[in-house]
Amino acid sequence: MVFLLSNPKLKKITQYFSKVLILSDLIAFLYLITMADQKPLFKTPYNIRDVSALFAIVAFVLVIAAIFGNNLFGIFQESVNFG
């Protein structure tokens, strides 16, 4: 709470919320505090090898899932009489 009172902008906000404490205002206040300290999502320190490896793993899993799903659908079509 000491940090909140040392910042003049946050001090005004906390005084406002101490007068009118509505749930939606509290959610907005918490969102303001938590979003101020976050780093940008797409920043350059990601290693291209790590990203490439993760992409290859996901692509491999998707190809295996597609083949497996296609085979299961073929078995389903052969076992059910559609008409």
Protein backbone atom coordinates (compact mmCIF):
# COMPACT_ATOMS: atom_id res chain seq x y z
CA MET A 1 0.00 0.00 0.00
CA VAL A 2 3.02 2.28 0.53
CA PHE A 3 3.79 2.08 -3.21
CA LEU A 4 0.28 3.13 -4.10
CA LEU A 5 0.40 6.20 -1.89
CA SER A 6 3.82 7.32 -3.17
CA ASN A 7 2.54 7.70 -6.73
CA PRO A 8 0.31 10.80 -7.08
CA LYS A 9 -1.82 9.37 -9.90
CA LEU A 10 -2.46 6.16 -8.02
CA LYS A 11 -3.11 8.15 -4.86
CA LYS A 12 -5.95 10.01 -6.60
CA ILE A 13 -7.34 6.73 -7.90
CA THR A 14 -7.20 5.11 -4.47
CA GLN A 15 -8.95 8.13 -2.93
CA TYR A 16 -11.65 7.82 -5.57
CA PHE A 17 -12.08 4.11 -4.94
CA SER A 18 -12.21 4.64 -1.21
CA LYS A 19 -15.28 6.86 -1.74
CA VAL A 20 -17.10 4.78 -4.34
CA LEU A 21 -16.26 1.10 -4.24
CA ILE A 22 -18.25 -0.66 -6.92
CA LEU A 23 -17.22 -4.09 -8.18
CA SER A 24 -16.67 -2.95 -11.75
CA ASP A 25 -14.50 -0.07 -10.58
CA LEU A 26 -12.46 -2.43 -8.45
CA ILE A 27 -11.92 -4.73 -11.44
CA ALA A 28 -10.82 -1.77 -13.57
CA PHE A 29 -8.42 -0.64 -10.85
CA LEU A 30 -6.86 -4.09 -10.56
CA TYR A 31 -6.56 -4.26 -14.34
CA LEU A 32 -4.79 -0.87 -14.35
CA ILE A 33 -2.26 -2.00 -11.74
CA THR A 34 -1.51 -5.39 -13.28
CA MET A 35 -1.28 -4.19 -16.89
CA ALA A 36 1.22 -1.44 -16.01
CA ASP A 37 3.96 -3.90 -15.06
CA GLN A 38 3.75 -6.35 -17.97
CA LYS A 39 6.35 -6.72 -20.70
CA PRO A 40 5.40 -6.60 -24.37
CA LEU A 41 4.41 -9.98 -25.77
CA PHE A 42 6.35 -9.91 -29.03
CA LYS A 43 9.84 -8.76 -28.21
CA THR A 44 13.06 -9.87 -29.92
CA PRO A 45 14.80 -11.97 -27.23
CA TYR A 46 13.02 -15.12 -28.40
CA ASN A 47 15.55 -17.58 -29.79
CA ILE A 48 14.72 -18.56 -33.37
CA ARG A 49 15.87 -22.14 -32.74
CA ASP A 50 13.44 -22.53 -29.85
CA VAL A 51 10.59 -21.14 -31.91
CA SER A 52 11.50 -23.38 -34.85
CA ALA A 53 11.66 -26.45 -32.61
CA LEU A 54 8.26 -25.71 -31.07
CA PHE A 55 6.77 -25.10 -34.51
CA ALA A 56 8.16 -28.42 -35.76
CA ILE A 57 6.73 -30.28 -32.75
CA VAL A 58 3.29 -28.72 -33.21
CA ALA A 59 3.34 -29.40 -36.97
CA PHE A 60 4.32 -33.04 -36.37
CA VAL A 61 1.55 -33.55 -33.81
CA LEU A 62 -1.01 -31.97 -36.16
CA VAL A 63 0.05 -34.20 -39.08
CA ILE A 64 -0.17 -37.33 -36.90
CA ALA A 65 -3.59 -36.23 -35.59
CA ALA A 66 -4.83 -35.62 -39.16
CA ILE A 67 -3.70 -39.05 -40.34
CA PHE A 68 -5.17 -40.76 -37.29
CA GLY A 69 -8.44 -38.84 -37.60
CA ASN A 70 -8.71 -39.66 -41.30
CA ASN A 71 -8.23 -43.37 -40.60
CA LEU A 72 -10.84 -43.30 -37.84
CA PHE A 73 -13.31 -41.54 -40.13
CA GLY A 74 -12.68 -44.18 -42.81
CA ILE A 75 -13.42 -46.96 -40.31
CA PHE A 76 -16.59 -45.09 -39.29
CA GLN A 77 -17.74 -44.79 -42.91
CA GLU A 78 -17.18 -48.49 -43.56
CA SER A 79 -18.98 -49.62 -40.42
CA VAL A 80 -22.12 -47.45 -40.77
CA ASN A 81 -24.65 -48.13 -43.50
CA PHE A 82 -25.73 -44.75 -44.87
CA GLY A 83 -28.44 -45.96 -47.11
